[in-house]
Amino acid sequence: MATQTLAERAETLRPTGLSPLLTTAQLMARYGVSNWTVNEWVKRGCPVEPTPFRGRRFDLEAVKAWIASDQLAATA
C-alpha cells in the first residue's frame, strides 16, 4: 500500500470525526521549523498527544489554534 498524504488521511478519517496526528518531523516540515523550535513550542504549551511508546504526536488543528492564540498573546 502506498503512503497516504496528510490530506488523504484526513479525508479517510473525516467520517469518524477524527483527524490524523502528525509526528514531530511532519510538524517540522509543515511549518518549516527545526526540531529545537518544536521542542520550544512544547515547553511553551503547544498541545501534544502522548503515545504509548516514547514519542508524541500533534493534532494539526490544535497546533494551529495554539499558534494563533500564542501570536495574539505576543502582540498584546
PDB file of N, CA and C in Angstrom:
ATOM      1  N   MET A   1       0.840  -1.189   0.000  1.00  0.00           N
ATOM      2  CA  MET A   1       0.000   0.000   0.000  1.00  0.00           C
ATOM      3  C   MET A   1       0.882   1.248   0.000  1.00  0.00           C
ATOM      4  N   ALA A   2       0.551   2.182  -0.829  1.00  0.00           N
ATOM      5  CA  ALA A   2       1.309   3.431  -0.928  1.00  0.00           C
ATOM      6  C   ALA A   2       1.043   4.312   0.285  1.00  0.00           C
ATOM      7  N   THR A   3       2.020   5.128   0.607  1.00  0.00           N
ATOM      8  CA  THR A   3       1.872   6.059   1.714  1.00  0.00           C
ATOM      9  C   THR A   3       0.870   7.141   1.339  1.00  0.00           C
ATOM     10  N   GLN A   4      -0.032   7.439   2.265  1.00  0.00           N
ATOM     11  CA  GLN A   4      -1.038   8.470   2.014  1.00  0.00           C
ATOM     12  C   GLN A   4      -0.507   9.835   2.414  1.00  0.00           C
ATOM     13  N   THR A   5      -0.978  10.853   1.725  1.00  0.00           N
ATOM     14  CA  THR A   5      -0.645  12.217   2.116  1.00  0.00           C
ATOM     15  C   THR A   5      -1.519  12.589   3.322  1.00  0.00           C
ATOM     16  N   LEU A   6      -1.178  13.682   3.956  1.00  0.00           N
ATOM     17  CA  LEU A   6      -1.962  14.147   5.093  1.00  0.00           C
ATOM     18  C   LEU A   6      -3.400  14.424   4.677  1.00  0.00           C
ATOM     19  N   ALA A   7      -3.580  15.016   3.510  1.00  0.00           N
ATOM     20  CA  ALA A   7      -4.935  15.314   3.028  1.00  0.00           C
ATOM     21  C   ALA A   7      -5.723  14.034   2.794  1.00  0.00           C
ATOM     22  N   GLU A   8      -5.071  13.014   2.258  1.00  0.00           N
ATOM     23  CA  GLU A   8      -5.745  11.730   2.029  1.00  0.00           C
ATOM     24  C   GLU A   8      -6.118  11.061   3.348  1.00  0.00           C
ATOM     25  N   ARG A   9      -5.211  11.112   4.315  1.00  0.00           N
ATOM     26  CA  ARG A   9      -5.528  10.537   5.627  1.00  0.00           C
ATOM     27  C   ARG A   9      -6.660  11.294   6.294  1.00  0.00           C
ATOM     28  N   ALA A  10      -6.671  12.621   6.167  1.00  0.00           N
ATOM     29  CA  ALA A  10      -7.740  13.431   6.755  1.00  0.00           C
ATOM     30  C   ALA A  10      -9.078  13.058   6.136  1.00  0.00           C
ATOM     31  N   GLU A  11      -9.092  12.871   4.817  1.00  0.00           N
ATOM     32  CA  GLU A  11     -10.329  12.502   4.122  1.00  0.00           C
ATOM     33  C   GLU A  11     -10.812  11.117   4.556  1.00  0.00           C
ATOM     34  N   THR A  12      -9.894  10.185   4.751  1.00  0.00           N
ATOM     35  CA  THR A  12     -10.244   8.838   5.199  1.00  0.00           C
ATOM     36  C   THR A  12     -10.852   8.865   6.602  1.00  0.00           C
ATOM     37  N   LEU A  13     -10.301   9.711   7.472  1.00  0.00           N
ATOM     38  CA  LEU A  13     -10.755   9.775   8.864  1.00  0.00           C
ATOM     39  C   LEU A  13     -11.964  10.681   9.072  1.00  0.00           C
ATOM     40  N   ARG A  14     -12.272  11.543   8.122  1.00  0.00           N
ATOM     41  CA  ARG A  14     -13.349  12.526   8.278  1.00  0.00           C
ATOM     42  C   ARG A  14     -14.666  11.914   8.757  1.00  0.00           C
ATOM     43  N   PRO A  15     -15.134  10.788   8.183  1.00  0.00           N
ATOM     44  CA  PRO A  15     -16.414  10.222   8.637  1.00  0.00           C
ATOM     45  C   PRO A  15     -16.412   9.792  10.108  1.00  0.00           C
ATOM     46  N   THR A  16     -15.242   9.524  10.656  1.00  0.00           N
ATOM     47  CA  THR A  16     -15.164   9.086  12.054  1.00  0.00           C
ATOM     48  C   THR A  16     -15.091  10.262  13.023  1.00  0.00           C
ATOM     49  N   GLY A  17     -14.881  11.467  12.498  1.00  0.00           N
ATOM     50  CA  GLY A  17     -14.750  12.643  13.360  1.00  0.00           C
ATOM     51  C   GLY A  17     -13.342  12.811  13.908  1.00  0.00           C
ATOM     52  N   LEU A  18     -12.411  12.019  13.407  1.00  0.00           N
ATOM     53  CA  LEU A  18     -11.022  12.095  13.867  1.00  0.00           C
ATOM     54  C   LEU A  18     -10.174  12.838  12.852  1.00  0.00           C
ATOM     55  N   SER A  19      -9.019  13.285  13.293  1.00  0.00           N
ATOM     56  CA  SER A  19      -8.069  13.881  12.365  1.00  0.00           C
ATOM     57  C   SER A  19      -6.731  13.186  12.563  1.00  0.00           C
ATOM     58  N   PRO A  20      -5.916  13.103  11.516  1.00  0.00           N
ATOM     59  CA  PRO A  20      -4.628  12.423  11.658  1.00  0.00           C
ATOM     60  C   PRO A  20      -3.697  13.210  12.571  1.00  0.00           C
ATOM     61  N   LEU A  21      -2.902  12.486  13.328  1.00  0.00           N
ATOM     62  CA  LEU A  21      -1.920  13.116  14.201  1.00  0.00           C
ATOM     63  C   LEU A  21      -0.577  13.140  13.490  1.00  0.00           C
ATOM     64  N   LEU A  22       0.145  14.235  13.645  1.00  0.00           N
ATOM     65  CA  LEU A  22       1.429  14.406  12.968  1.00  0.00           C
ATOM     66  C   LEU A  22       2.578  14.036  13.887  1.00  0.00           C
ATOM     67  N   THR A  23       3.639  13.512  13.300  1.00  0.00           N
ATOM     68  CA  THR A  23       4.873  13.281  14.041  1.00  0.00           C
ATOM     69  C   THR A  23       5.601  14.618  14.166  1.00  0.00           C
ATOM     70  N   THR A  24       6.643  14.636  14.978  1.00  0.00           N
ATOM     71  CA  THR A  24       7.454  15.848  15.096  1.00  0.00           C
ATOM     72  C   THR A  24       8.025  16.230  13.744  1.00  0.00           C
ATOM     73  N   ALA A  25       8.517  15.249  12.994  1.00  0.00           N
ATOM     74  CA  ALA A  25       9.098  15.525  11.676  1.00  0.00           C
ATOM     75  C   ALA A  25       8.061  16.115  10.721  1.00  0.00           C
ATOM     76  N   GLN A  26       6.845  15.606  10.760  1.00  0.00           N
ATOM     77  CA  GLN A  26       5.793  16.137   9.893  1.00  0.00           C
ATOM     78  C   GLN A  26       5.424  17.564  10.287  1.00  0.00           C
ATOM     79  N   LEU A  27       5.388  17.833  11.595  1.00  0.00           N
ATOM     80  CA  LEU A  27       5.089  19.192  12.056  1.00  0.00           C
ATOM     81  C   LEU A  27       6.209  20.150  11.652  1.00  0.00           C
ATOM     82  N   MET A  28       7.455  19.688  11.771  1.00  0.00           N
ATOM     83  CA  MET A  28       8.597  20.497  11.351  1.00  0.00           C
ATOM     84  C   MET A  28       8.479  20.848   9.870  1.00  0.00           C
ATOM     85  N   ALA A  29       8.148  19.859   9.043  1.00  0.00           N
ATOM     86  CA  ALA A  29       8.020  20.085   7.603  1.00  0.00           C
ATOM     87  C   ALA A  29       6.848  21.009   7.300  1.00  0.00           C
ATOM     88  N   ARG A  30       5.752  20.853   8.008  1.00  0.00           N
ATOM     89  CA  ARG A  30       4.547  21.659   7.770  1.00  0.00           C
ATOM     90  C   ARG A  30       4.821  23.140   7.991  1.00  0.00           C
ATOM     91  N   TYR A  31       5.577  23.448   9.064  1.00  0.00           N
ATOM     92  CA  TYR A  31       5.839  24.843   9.410  1.00  0.00           C
ATOM     93  C   TYR A  31       7.232  25.322   9.015  1.00  0.00           C
ATOM     94  N   GLY A  32       8.068  24.429   8.491  1.00  0.00           N
ATOM     95  CA  GLY A  32       9.408  24.829   8.073  1.00  0.00           C
ATOM     96  C   GLY A  32      10.285  25.253   9.234  1.00  0.00           C
ATOM     97  N   VAL A  33      10.166  24.537  10.352  1.00  0.00           N
ATOM     98  CA  VAL A  33      10.939  24.864  11.546  1.00  0.00           C
ATOM     99  C   VAL A  33      11.817  23.680  11.934  1.00  0.00           C
ATOM    100  N   SER A  34      12.707  23.907  12.881  1.00  0.00           N
ATOM    101  CA  SER A  34      13.621  22.858  13.335  1.00  0.00           C
ATOM    102  C   SER A  34      13.020  22.070  14.501  1.00  0.00           C
ATOM    103  N   ASN A  35      13.679  20.979  14.819  1.00  0.00           N
ATOM    104  CA  ASN A  35      13.286  20.167  15.971  1.00  0.00           C
ATOM    105  C   ASN A  35      13.368  21.010  17.250  1.00  0.00           C
ATOM    106  N   TRP A  36      14.390  21.847  17.349  1.00  0.00           N
ATOM    107  CA  TRP A  36      14.549  22.701  18.514  1.00  0.00           C
ATOM    108  C   TRP A  36      13.323  23.608  18.687  1.00  0.00           C
ATOM    109  N   THR A  37      12.839  24.172  17.583  1.00  0.00           N
ATOM    110  CA  THR A  37      11.671  25.052  17.639  1.00  0.00           C
ATOM    111  C   THR A  37      10.450  24.298  18.134  1.00  0.00           C
ATOM    112  N   VAL A  38      10.222  23.097  17.613  1.00  0.00           N
ATOM    113  CA  VAL A  38       9.075  22.309  18.061  1.00  0.00           C
ATOM    114  C   VAL A  38       9.209  22.014  19.553  1.00  0.00           C
ATOM    115  N   ASN A  39      10.394  21.670  20.010  1.00  0.00           N
ATOM    116  CA  ASN A  39      10.598  21.419  21.447  1.00  0.00           C
ATOM    117  C   ASN A  39      10.307  22.669  22.270  1.00  0.00           C
ATOM    118  N   GLU A  40      10.706  23.833  21.773  1.00  0.00           N
ATOM    119  CA  GLU A  40      10.418  25.091  22.474  1.00  0.00           C
ATOM    120  C   GLU A  40       8.911  25.353  22.498  1.00  0.00           C
ATOM    121  N   TRP A  41       8.219  25.064  21.395  1.00  0.00           N
ATOM    122  CA  TRP A  41       6.767  25.224  21.365  1.00  0.00           C
ATOM    123  C   TRP A  41       6.127  24.361  22.439  1.00  0.00           C
ATOM    124  N   VAL A  42       6.582  23.126  22.557  1.00  0.00           N
ATOM    125  CA  VAL A  42       6.018  22.205  23.552  1.00  0.00           C
ATOM    126  C   VAL A  42       6.257  22.754  24.958  1.00  0.00           C
ATOM    127  N   LYS A  43       7.448  23.283  25.210  1.00  0.00           N
ATOM    128  CA  LYS A  43       7.752  23.875  26.519  1.00  0.00           C
ATOM    129  C   LYS A  43       6.824  25.051  26.822  1.00  0.00           C
ATOM    130  N   ARG A  44       6.428  25.797  25.765  1.00  0.00           N
ATOM    131  CA  ARG A  44       5.564  26.974  25.934  1.00  0.00           C
ATOM    132  C   ARG A  44       4.080  26.616  25.948  1.00  0.00           C
ATOM    133  N   GLY A  45       3.751  25.322  25.772  1.00  0.00           N
ATOM    134  CA  GLY A  45       2.357  24.921  25.905  1.00  0.00           C
ATOM    135  C   GLY A  45       1.683  24.393  24.666  1.00  0.00           C
ATOM    136  N   CYS A  46       2.431  24.171  23.597  1.00  0.00           N
ATOM    137  CA  CYS A  46       1.845  23.609  22.382  1.00  0.00           C
ATOM    138  C   CYS A  46       1.188  22.258  22.722  1.00  0.00           C
ATOM    139  N   PRO A  47      -0.051  22.050  22.282  1.00  0.00           N
ATOM    140  CA  PRO A  47      -0.741  20.801  22.620  1.00  0.00           C
ATOM    141  C   PRO A  47      -0.065  19.577  21.991  1.00  0.00           C
ATOM    142  N   VAL A  48       0.126  18.555  22.808  1.00  0.00           N
ATOM    143  CA  VAL A  48       0.799  17.324  22.400  1.00  0.00           C
ATOM    144  C   VAL A  48      -0.082  16.140  22.765  1.00  0.00           C
ATOM    145  N   GLU A  49      -0.112  15.155  21.904  1.00  0.00           N
ATOM    146  CA  GLU A  49      -0.807  13.905  22.182  1.00  0.00           C
ATOM    147  C   GLU A  49       0.254  12.860  22.505  1.00  0.00           C
ATOM    148  N   PRO A  50       0.324  12.392  23.745  1.00  0.00           N
ATOM    149  CA  PRO A  50       1.338  11.379  24.073  1.00  0.00           C
ATOM    150  C   PRO A  50       1.016  10.048  23.393  1.00  0.00           C
ATOM    151  N   THR A  51       2.027   9.258  23.184  1.00  0.00           N
ATOM    152  CA  THR A  51       1.859   7.935  22.596  1.00  0.00           C
ATOM    153  C   THR A  51       2.314   6.887  23.603  1.00  0.00           C
ATOM    154  N   PRO A  52       1.878   5.640  23.445  1.00  0.00           N
ATOM    155  CA  PRO A  52       2.279   4.609  24.399  1.00  0.00           C
ATOM    156  C   PRO A  52       3.778   4.318  24.354  1.00  0.00           C
ATOM    157  N   PHE A  53       4.404   4.596  23.234  1.00  0.00           N
ATOM    158  CA  PHE A  53       5.843   4.442  23.143  1.00  0.00           C
ATOM    159  C   PHE A  53       6.474   5.801  23.353  1.00  0.00           C
ATOM    160  N   ARG A  54       7.757   5.875  23.434  1.00  0.00           N
ATOM    161  CA  ARG A  54       8.437   7.137  23.739  1.00  0.00           C
ATOM    162  C   ARG A  54       8.380   8.077  22.545  1.00  0.00           C
ATOM    163  N   GLY A  55       7.311   8.804  22.445  1.00  0.00           N
ATOM    164  CA  GLY A  55       7.134   9.726  21.337  1.00  0.00           C
ATOM    165  C   GLY A  55       5.952  10.625  21.598  1.00  0.00           C
ATOM    166  N   ARG A  56       5.639  11.426  20.629  1.00  0.00           N
ATOM    167  CA  ARG A  56       4.496  12.322  20.748  1.00  0.00           C
ATOM    168  C   ARG A  56       3.950  12.595  19.362  1.00  0.00           C
ATOM    169  N   ARG A  57       2.699  12.987  19.332  1.00  0.00           N
ATOM    170  CA  ARG A  57       2.029  13.322  18.082  1.00  0.00           C
ATOM    171  C   ARG A  57       1.315  14.654  18.281  1.00  0.00           C
ATOM    172  N   PHE A  58       1.020  15.310  17.171  1.00  0.00           N
ATOM    173  CA  PHE A  58       0.411  16.626  17.211  1.00  0.00           C
ATOM    174  C   PHE A  58      -0.855  16.645  16.375  1.00  0.00           C
ATOM    175  N   ASP A  59      -1.926  17.171  16.953  1.00  0.00           N
ATOM    176  CA  ASP A  59      -3.170  17.394  16.224  1.00  0.00           C
ATOM    177  C   ASP A  59      -3.006  18.736  15.521  1.00  0.00           C
ATOM    178  N   LEU A  60      -2.992  18.722  14.196  1.00  0.00           N
ATOM    179  CA  LEU A  60      -2.703  19.930  13.428  1.00  0.00           C
ATOM    180  C   LEU A  60      -3.665  21.064  13.750  1.00  0.00           C
ATOM    181  N   GLU A  61      -4.939  20.768  13.892  1.00  0.00           N
ATOM    182  CA  GLU A  61      -5.920  21.824  14.189  1.00  0.00           C
ATOM    183  C   GLU A  61      -5.655  22.441  15.563  1.00  0.00           C
ATOM    184  N   ALA A  62      -5.295  21.608  16.551  1.00  0.00           N
ATOM    185  CA  ALA A  62      -4.987  22.126  17.894  1.00  0.00           C
ATOM    186  C   ALA A  62      -3.726  22.977  17.857  1.00  0.00           C
ATOM    187  N   VAL A  63      -2.730  22.554  17.083  1.00  0.00           N
ATOM    188  CA  VAL A  63      -1.490  23.330  16.970  1.00  0.00           C
ATOM    189  C   VAL A  63      -1.764  24.664  16.272  1.00  0.00           C
ATOM    190  N   LYS A  64      -2.560  24.643  15.210  1.00  0.00           N
ATOM    191  CA  LYS A  64      -2.912  25.894  14.519  1.00  0.00           C
ATOM    192  C   LYS A  64      -3.581  26.869  15.481  1.00  0.00           C
ATOM    193  N   ALA A  65      -4.526  26.379  16.276  1.00  0.00           N
ATOM    194  CA  ALA A  65      -5.226  27.235  17.241  1.00  0.00           C
ATOM    195  C   ALA A  65      -4.255  27.759  18.291  1.00  0.00           C
ATOM    196  N   TRP A  66      -3.334  26.914  18.755  1.00  0.00           N
ATOM    197  CA  TRP A  66      -2.364  27.331  19.764  1.00  0.00           C
ATOM    198  C   TRP A  66      -1.441  28.412  19.193  1.00  0.00           C
ATOM    199  N   ILE A  67      -0.970  28.212  17.974  1.00  0.00           N
ATOM    200  CA  ILE A  67      -0.078  29.202  17.360  1.00  0.00           C
ATOM    201  C   ILE A  67      -0.808  30.542  17.218  1.00  0.00           C
ATOM    202  N   ALA A  68      -2.063  30.505  16.782  1.00  0.00           N
ATOM    203  CA  ALA A  68      -2.842  31.739  16.630  1.00  0.00           C
ATOM    204  C   ALA A  68      -3.000  32.442  17.973  1.00  0.00           C
ATOM    205  N   SER A  69      -3.331  31.705  19.024  1.00  0.00           N
ATOM    206  CA  SER A  69      -3.514  32.326  20.341  1.00  0.00           C
ATOM    207  C   SER A  69      -2.180  32.789  20.912  1.00  0.00           C
ATOM    208  N   ASP A  70      -1.098  32.049  20.660  1.00  0.00           N
ATOM    209  CA  ASP A  70       0.216  32.424  21.144  1.00  0.00           C
ATOM    210  C   ASP A  70       0.693  33.707  20.466  1.00  0.00           C
ATOM    211  N   GLN A  71       0.414  33.837  19.175  1.00  0.00           N
ATOM    212  CA  GLN A  71       0.803  35.047  18.459  1.00  0.00           C
ATOM    213  C   GLN A  71      -0.014  36.255  18.922  1.00  0.00           C
ATOM    214  N   LEU A  72      -1.293  36.022  19.234  1.00  0.00           N
ATOM    215  CA  LEU A  72      -2.120  37.121  19.765  1.00  0.00           C
ATOM    216  C   LEU A  72      -1.603  37.575  21.118  1.00  0.00           C
ATOM    217  N   ALA A  73      -1.183  36.612  21.957  1.00  0.00           N
ATOM    218  CA  ALA A  73      -0.667  36.956  23.278  1.00  0.00           C
ATOM    219  C   ALA A  73       0.657  37.712  23.160  1.00  0.00           C
ATOM    220  N   ALA A  74       1.466  37.349  22.173  1.00  0.00           N
ATOM    221  CA  ALA A  74       2.765  38.001  21.985  1.00  0.00           C
ATOM    222  C   ALA A  74       2.618  39.446  21.516  1.00  0.00           C
ATOM    223  N   THR A  75       1.538  39.739  20.788  1.00  0.00           N
ATOM    224  CA  THR A  75       1.349  41.101  20.293  1.00  0.00           C
ATOM    225  C   THR A  75       0.577  41.980  21.267  1.00  0.00           C
ATOM    226  N   ALA A  76      -0.021  41.368  22.297  1.00  0.00           N
ATOM    227  CA  ALA A  76      -0.816  42.134  23.258  1.00  0.00           C
ATOM    228  C   ALA A  76       0.041  42.840  24.269  1.00  0.00           C
TER     229      ALA A  76
END
